[in-house]
Structure formats: structure tokens, C-alpha cells
Amino acid sequence: MKSKAQKKREGRIRRHARVRKQVKGSANCPRLCVFRSLKNVSAQIIDDTRGVTIVGISSVSKEFAKEAVKLKDKTARSGLLGKLIAQKAMEKGVKKVCFDRGGNAYHGRVRAVAEAARKEGLEF
């Protein structure tokens, strides 16, 4: 018998597979992929045609930790992560992306990443 946590994880994986059928990253419109765990959030911009991660950042990285020291709320930290990923993308010349929520609901920390990236100039 499966535990509640196992069922929840399998459901997220199933939803993620359903989202990935629709969302494909290319050279001119890469995929902004967000992964959320209980404690951390990570975001990557991926070109699926070449199978290459263009830009990536996580809430455990050193560059994020320098700026996130004063933020205690996980949602606010996620917003900062979205801002940083958008700035890095602009430096690499990426302006337009398609958003992959990773099977999570577009709410809370996932939404904070997306809205902060939009505010910094990324187009979805």
C-alpha cells in the first residue's frame, strides 16, 4: 500500500509528463523549468532541441544566498530567484521563454518565480 506522500509525488510526476507533452523548448524560445521541493526552489532555462541548459540557479547556490540573507519568507526568496534567473537569461541573450511549472500548481512559490521573471523582462 502506498503512503500519502508517494501518491502525491506520483501525481506530480504524472502532471509534469502531461505538461511536458505541450511545452517544448527550442533555440528561439527555450523552456523555463521550475522545480520546487519543501525547502528549496530551482529554475533552469533549457534548449530541448540541443539538450542544453542555458542558465540555471537554485536557492542553495552561493550567488543566491548572498542576496537572500535578509528574506525569511520562502515565497519572497522564490521571487528573488525569478529575478536572478531573468537577469542571467538577459545576459545570455534569451528574452522569450515558455514556462514549465513542473507539475506543480501555478500558485505560491512557482507563481512568484514566474511573476518576478516577467517583471525583469522575460516574455512568456
N, C-alpha and C. Protein backbone atom coordinates (compact mmCIF):
# COMPACT_ATOMS: atom_id res chain seq x y z
N MET A 1 0.83 -1.18 0.00
CA MET A 1 0.00 0.00 0.00
C MET A 1 0.89 1.25 0.00
N LYS A 2 0.53 2.21 -0.82
CA LYS A 2 1.33 3.42 -0.96
C LYS A 2 0.95 4.44 0.10
N SER A 3 1.95 5.16 0.55
CA SER A 3 1.69 6.22 1.53
C SER A 3 1.12 7.44 0.81
N LYS A 4 0.61 8.36 1.58
CA LYS A 4 0.05 9.59 1.03
C LYS A 4 1.12 10.39 0.29
N ALA A 5 2.34 10.41 0.82
CA ALA A 5 3.44 11.14 0.19
C ALA A 5 3.81 10.53 -1.16
N GLN A 6 3.80 9.19 -1.24
CA GLN A 6 4.12 8.53 -2.51
C GLN A 6 3.06 8.84 -3.56
N LYS A 7 1.79 8.82 -3.17
CA LYS A 7 0.71 9.13 -4.10
C LYS A 7 0.81 10.57 -4.59
N LYS A 8 1.14 11.46 -3.68
CA LYS A 8 1.27 12.87 -4.05
C LYS A 8 2.40 13.08 -5.04
N ARG A 9 3.54 12.44 -4.78
CA ARG A 9 4.69 12.55 -5.68
C ARG A 9 4.39 11.96 -7.04
N GLU A 10 3.75 10.80 -7.08
CA GLU A 10 3.39 10.18 -8.35
C GLU A 10 2.41 11.05 -9.14
N GLY A 11 1.49 11.70 -8.44
CA GLY A 11 0.55 12.61 -9.10
C GLY A 11 1.26 13.79 -9.74
N ARG A 12 2.24 14.34 -9.02
CA ARG A 12 3.01 15.47 -9.56
C ARG A 12 3.79 15.04 -10.79
N ILE A 13 4.36 13.85 -10.74
CA ILE A 13 5.13 13.34 -11.88
C ILE A 13 4.21 13.12 -13.08
N ARG A 14 3.01 12.61 -12.84
CA ARG A 14 2.04 12.41 -13.92
C ARG A 14 1.63 13.75 -14.53
N ARG A 15 1.37 14.75 -13.69
CA ARG A 15 1.01 16.07 -14.19
C ARG A 15 2.16 16.69 -14.97
N HIS A 16 3.37 16.49 -14.47
CA HIS A 16 4.55 17.03 -15.17
C HIS A 16 4.67 16.42 -16.57
N ALA A 17 4.44 15.12 -16.69
CA ALA A 17 4.51 14.47 -18.00
C ALA A 17 3.46 15.04 -18.94
N ARG A 18 2.29 15.34 -18.41
CA ARG A 18 1.21 15.91 -19.22
C ARG A 18 1.58 17.31 -19.69
N VAL A 19 2.21 18.10 -18.81
CA VAL A 19 2.64 19.45 -19.18
C VAL A 19 3.75 19.38 -20.22
N ARG A 20 4.67 18.44 -20.05
CA ARG A 20 5.82 18.33 -20.96
C ARG A 20 5.43 17.91 -22.37
N LYS A 21 4.26 17.29 -22.55
CA LYS A 21 3.79 16.99 -23.90
C LYS A 21 3.55 18.27 -24.68
N GLN A 22 3.10 19.30 -23.99
CA GLN A 22 2.76 20.56 -24.64
C GLN A 22 3.94 21.54 -24.70
N VAL A 23 4.73 21.59 -23.65
CA VAL A 23 5.79 22.60 -23.52
C VAL A 23 7.11 22.02 -24.00
N LYS A 24 7.62 22.59 -25.09
CA LYS A 24 8.91 22.17 -25.62
C LYS A 24 9.76 23.42 -25.84
N GLY A 25 10.98 23.37 -25.38
CA GLY A 25 11.89 24.49 -25.55
C GLY A 25 12.68 24.36 -26.83
N SER A 26 12.92 25.48 -27.50
CA SER A 26 13.71 25.49 -28.73
C SER A 26 14.79 26.56 -28.60
N ALA A 27 15.55 26.74 -29.65
CA ALA A 27 16.64 27.72 -29.61
C ALA A 27 16.09 29.14 -29.48
N ASN A 28 15.01 29.47 -30.18
CA ASN A 28 14.47 30.82 -30.11
C ASN A 28 13.46 31.00 -28.97
N CYS A 29 12.95 29.91 -28.40
CA CYS A 29 12.04 30.01 -27.25
C CYS A 29 12.31 28.85 -26.30
N PRO A 30 13.37 28.95 -25.48
CA PRO A 30 13.70 27.87 -24.55
C PRO A 30 12.68 27.74 -23.43
N ARG A 31 12.80 26.68 -22.66
CA ARG A 31 11.84 26.35 -21.60
C ARG A 31 12.40 26.79 -20.25
N LEU A 32 11.59 27.56 -19.50
CA LEU A 32 11.94 27.93 -18.13
C LEU A 32 11.29 26.89 -17.22
N CYS A 33 12.12 26.01 -16.67
CA CYS A 33 11.66 24.89 -15.86
C CYS A 33 11.86 25.21 -14.39
N VAL A 34 10.80 25.08 -13.58
CA VAL A 34 10.86 25.36 -12.16
C VAL A 34 10.65 24.07 -11.39
N PHE A 35 11.55 23.79 -10.45
CA PHE A 35 11.40 22.64 -9.56
C PHE A 35 11.29 23.17 -8.13
N ARG A 36 10.30 22.66 -7.42
CA ARG A 36 10.05 23.10 -6.05
C ARG A 36 10.08 21.89 -5.13
N SER A 37 10.88 22.00 -4.07
CA SER A 37 10.86 20.98 -3.02
C SER A 37 10.29 21.64 -1.77
N LEU A 38 10.30 20.93 -0.67
CA LEU A 38 9.75 21.51 0.55
C LEU A 38 10.57 22.70 1.04
N LYS A 39 11.88 22.67 0.85
CA LYS A 39 12.74 23.74 1.36
C LYS A 39 13.28 24.66 0.28
N ASN A 40 13.53 24.15 -0.92
CA ASN A 40 14.25 24.90 -1.94
C ASN A 40 13.49 24.97 -3.25
N VAL A 41 13.95 25.89 -4.10
CA VAL A 41 13.40 26.07 -5.44
C VAL A 41 14.58 26.20 -6.38
N SER A 42 14.46 25.61 -7.57
CA SER A 42 15.48 25.81 -8.58
C SER A 42 14.80 26.10 -9.91
N ALA A 43 15.50 26.84 -10.76
CA ALA A 43 14.98 27.20 -12.07
C ALA A 43 16.09 27.04 -13.10
N GLN A 44 15.70 26.54 -14.26
CA GLN A 44 16.64 26.37 -15.37
C GLN A 44 15.98 26.85 -16.64
N ILE A 45 16.79 27.37 -17.55
CA ILE A 45 16.33 27.68 -18.89
C ILE A 45 17.01 26.70 -19.81
N ILE A 46 16.20 25.87 -20.50
CA ILE A 46 16.70 24.71 -21.24
C ILE A 46 16.31 24.80 -22.70
N ASP A 47 17.27 24.52 -23.58
CA ASP A 47 17.02 24.35 -25.01
C ASP A 47 16.86 22.86 -25.26
N ASP A 48 15.64 22.40 -25.49
CA ASP A 48 15.37 20.97 -25.62
C ASP A 48 15.85 20.39 -26.95
N THR A 49 15.98 21.20 -27.99
CA THR A 49 16.44 20.67 -29.27
C THR A 49 17.90 20.23 -29.18
N ARG A 50 18.73 20.98 -28.46
CA ARG A 50 20.12 20.61 -28.27
C ARG A 50 20.35 19.82 -26.98
N GLY A 51 19.38 19.86 -26.07
CA GLY A 51 19.53 19.18 -24.79
C GLY A 51 20.52 19.88 -23.88
N VAL A 52 20.49 21.23 -23.88
CA VAL A 52 21.47 22.02 -23.16
C VAL A 52 20.77 22.96 -22.18
N THR A 53 21.30 23.05 -20.97
CA THR A 53 20.83 24.04 -20.02
C THR A 53 21.59 25.33 -20.28
N ILE A 54 20.86 26.37 -20.63
CA ILE A 54 21.47 27.66 -20.95
C ILE A 54 21.85 28.39 -19.66
N VAL A 55 20.91 28.47 -18.73
CA VAL A 55 21.10 29.16 -17.46
C VAL A 55 20.39 28.37 -16.38
N GLY A 56 20.99 28.32 -15.20
CA GLY A 56 20.34 27.66 -14.07
C GLY A 56 20.74 28.31 -12.76
N ILE A 57 19.80 28.30 -11.82
CA ILE A 57 20.08 28.83 -10.49
C ILE A 57 19.20 28.10 -9.48
N SER A 58 19.71 27.99 -8.28
CA SER A 58 18.98 27.29 -7.23
C SER A 58 19.04 28.12 -5.95
N SER A 59 18.10 27.86 -5.07
CA SER A 59 18.08 28.60 -3.82
C SER A 59 19.19 28.16 -2.86
N VAL A 60 19.96 27.15 -3.23
CA VAL A 60 21.10 26.74 -2.41
C VAL A 60 22.43 27.24 -2.97
N SER A 61 22.40 27.94 -4.11
CA SER A 61 23.64 28.43 -4.71
C SER A 61 24.19 29.63 -3.94
N LYS A 62 25.49 29.85 -4.06
CA LYS A 62 26.16 30.91 -3.30
C LYS A 62 25.70 32.30 -3.74
N GLU A 63 25.53 32.50 -5.04
CA GLU A 63 25.13 33.82 -5.52
C GLU A 63 23.72 34.20 -5.04
N PHE A 64 22.86 33.21 -4.90
CA PHE A 64 21.53 33.45 -4.37
C PHE A 64 21.58 33.74 -2.87
N ALA A 65 22.39 33.00 -2.16
CA ALA A 65 22.47 33.12 -0.70
C ALA A 65 22.94 34.51 -0.27
N LYS A 66 23.80 35.14 -1.06
CA LYS A 66 24.30 36.47 -0.72
C LYS A 66 23.16 37.48 -0.63
N GLU A 67 22.22 37.40 -1.58
CA GLU A 67 21.14 38.37 -1.63
C GLU A 67 19.93 37.96 -0.79
N ALA A 68 19.78 36.68 -0.51
CA ALA A 68 18.59 36.18 0.19
C ALA A 68 18.73 36.16 1.70
N VAL A 69 19.82 36.66 2.22
CA VAL A 69 20.06 36.60 3.66
C VAL A 69 18.95 37.32 4.44
N LYS A 70 18.51 38.45 3.94
CA LYS A 70 17.53 39.24 4.68
C LYS A 70 16.08 38.77 4.45
N LEU A 71 15.84 37.87 3.50
CA LEU A 71 14.49 37.38 3.22
C LEU A 71 14.23 36.10 4.01
N LYS A 72 13.13 36.07 4.74
CA LYS A 72 12.81 34.90 5.54
C LYS A 72 11.67 34.09 4.94
N ASP A 73 10.82 34.72 4.17
CA ASP A 73 9.66 34.08 3.56
C ASP A 73 10.10 33.29 2.32
N LYS A 74 9.66 32.04 2.20
CA LYS A 74 10.06 31.21 1.06
C LYS A 74 9.52 31.77 -0.26
N THR A 75 8.35 32.38 -0.22
CA THR A 75 7.78 32.97 -1.43
C THR A 75 8.60 34.17 -1.88
N ALA A 76 9.03 34.98 -0.94
CA ALA A 76 9.88 36.14 -1.28
C ALA A 76 11.22 35.67 -1.85
N ARG A 77 11.77 34.61 -1.29
CA ARG A 77 13.02 34.04 -1.81
C ARG A 77 12.82 33.53 -3.23
N SER A 78 11.66 32.94 -3.50
CA SER A 78 11.36 32.44 -4.84
C SER A 78 11.27 33.60 -5.83
N GLY A 79 10.70 34.72 -5.38
CA GLY A 79 10.65 35.91 -6.23
C GLY A 79 12.04 36.40 -6.58
N LEU A 80 12.93 36.38 -5.61
CA LEU A 80 14.32 36.77 -5.86
C LEU A 80 14.97 35.81 -6.85
N LEU A 81 14.66 34.53 -6.73
CA LEU A 81 15.20 33.53 -7.66
C LEU A 81 14.73 33.82 -9.09
N GLY A 82 13.45 34.18 -9.25
CA GLY A 82 12.92 34.53 -10.56
C GLY A 82 13.61 35.75 -11.15
N LYS A 83 13.88 36.73 -10.30
CA LYS A 83 14.58 37.94 -10.74
C LYS A 83 15.99 37.60 -11.22
N LEU A 84 16.70 36.78 -10.45
CA LEU A 84 18.08 36.42 -10.81
C LEU A 84 18.14 35.58 -12.09
N ILE A 85 17.20 34.64 -12.25
CA ILE A 85 17.21 33.80 -13.46
C ILE A 85 16.93 34.66 -14.70
N ALA A 86 16.04 35.65 -14.56
CA ALA A 86 15.74 36.54 -15.68
C ALA A 86 16.95 37.40 -16.04
N GLN A 87 17.66 37.89 -15.03
CA GLN A 87 18.86 38.70 -15.30
C GLN A 87 19.93 37.88 -16.00
N LYS A 88 20.12 36.65 -15.54
CA LYS A 88 21.12 35.77 -16.18
C LYS A 88 20.72 35.44 -17.61
N ALA A 89 19.42 35.25 -17.83
CA ALA A 89 18.94 34.94 -19.18
C ALA A 89 19.17 36.12 -20.12
N MET A 90 18.91 37.31 -19.64
CA MET A 90 19.12 38.50 -20.47
C MET A 90 20.59 38.65 -20.84
N GLU A 91 21.48 38.31 -19.91
CA GLU A 91 22.91 38.37 -20.21
C GLU A 91 23.29 37.40 -21.31
N LYS A 92 22.62 36.25 -21.36
CA LYS A 92 22.89 35.24 -22.40
C LYS A 92 22.13 35.52 -23.69
N GLY A 93 21.28 36.55 -23.70
CA GLY A 93 20.54 36.91 -24.90
C GLY A 93 19.20 36.22 -25.05
N VAL A 94 18.68 35.65 -23.98
CA VAL A 94 17.37 34.99 -24.01
C VAL A 94 16.34 35.99 -23.52
N LYS A 95 15.33 36.26 -24.37
CA LYS A 95 14.29 37.22 -23.99
C LYS A 95 12.92 36.58 -23.91
N LYS A 96 12.73 35.48 -24.64
CA LYS A 96 11.42 34.83 -24.69
C LYS A 96 11.57 33.38 -24.25
N VAL A 97 10.70 32.92 -23.35
CA VAL A 97 10.73 31.55 -22.87
C VAL A 97 9.31 31.00 -22.78
N CYS A 98 9.20 29.68 -22.72
CA CYS A 98 7.92 29.06 -22.38
C CYS A 98 8.06 28.49 -20.97
N PHE A 99 7.01 28.59 -20.19
CA PHE A 99 7.07 28.28 -18.76
C PHE A 99 6.64 26.85 -18.50
N ASP A 100 7.49 26.12 -17.77
CA ASP A 100 7.20 24.74 -17.37
C ASP A 100 7.10 24.72 -15.84
N ARG A 101 5.90 24.55 -15.34
CA ARG A 101 5.67 24.62 -13.89
C ARG A 101 6.03 23.34 -13.18
N GLY A 102 6.44 22.32 -13.89
CA GLY A 102 6.94 21.10 -13.29
C GLY A 102 5.90 20.25 -12.60
N GLY A 103 4.64 20.33 -13.03
CA GLY A 103 3.60 19.52 -12.40
C GLY A 103 3.03 20.14 -11.14
N ASN A 104 3.60 21.25 -10.70
CA ASN A 104 3.09 21.95 -9.52
C ASN A 104 1.99 22.92 -9.94
N ALA A 105 1.12 23.27 -9.01
CA ALA A 105 0.10 24.26 -9.28
C ALA A 105 0.76 25.62 -9.49
N TYR A 106 0.18 26.43 -10.36
CA TYR A 106 0.68 27.79 -10.58
C TYR A 106 0.19 28.65 -9.43
N HIS A 107 0.89 28.52 -8.30
CA HIS A 107 0.47 29.18 -7.07
C HIS A 107 1.67 29.27 -6.15
N GLY A 108 1.69 30.23 -5.29
CA GLY A 108 2.73 30.32 -4.27
C GLY A 108 4.11 30.57 -4.84
N ARG A 109 5.04 29.67 -4.52
CA ARG A 109 6.45 29.87 -4.91
C ARG A 109 6.66 29.75 -6.40
N VAL A 110 5.94 28.85 -7.06
CA VAL A 110 6.08 28.70 -8.52
C VAL A 110 5.60 29.98 -9.21
N ARG A 111 4.50 30.50 -8.74
CA ARG A 111 3.97 31.74 -9.30
C ARG A 111 4.92 32.92 -9.03
N ALA A 112 5.53 32.96 -7.86
CA ALA A 112 6.45 34.04 -7.51
C ALA A 112 7.66 34.05 -8.45
N VAL A 113 8.17 32.88 -8.79
CA VAL A 113 9.29 32.78 -9.74
C VAL A 113 8.86 33.34 -11.10
N ALA A 114 7.70 32.92 -11.58
CA ALA A 114 7.22 33.34 -12.90
C ALA A 114 6.98 34.85 -12.96
N GLU A 115 6.31 35.39 -11.96
CA GLU A 115 5.99 36.82 -11.99
C GLU A 115 7.23 37.70 -11.84
N ALA A 116 8.18 37.27 -11.03
CA ALA A 116 9.42 38.04 -10.88
C ALA A 116 10.23 38.01 -12.18
N ALA A 117 10.24 36.87 -12.86
CA ALA A 117 10.95 36.77 -14.14
C ALA A 117 10.29 37.66 -15.19
N ARG A 118 8.96 37.70 -15.19
CA ARG A 118 8.24 38.58 -16.12
C ARG A 118 8.55 40.02 -15.84
N LYS A 119 8.58 40.39 -14.57
CA LYS A 119 8.85 41.77 -14.18
C LYS A 119 10.24 42.22 -14.64
N GLU A 120 11.18 41.30 -14.64
CA GLU A 120 12.56 41.62 -15.07
C GLU A 120 12.71 41.69 -16.58
N GLY A 121 11.66 41.29 -17.32
CA GLY A 121 11.70 41.46 -18.78
C GLY A 121 11.60 40.19 -19.61
N LEU A 122 11.53 39.02 -18.98
CA LEU A 122 11.35 37.79 -19.75
C LEU A 122 9.91 37.73 -20.27
N GLU A 123 9.75 37.31 -21.51
CA GLU A 123 8.41 37.17 -22.10
C GLU A 123 8.02 35.71 -22.08
N PHE A 124 6.79 35.42 -21.66
CA PHE A 124 6.27 34.05 -21.63
C PHE A 124 5.30 33.88 -22.76
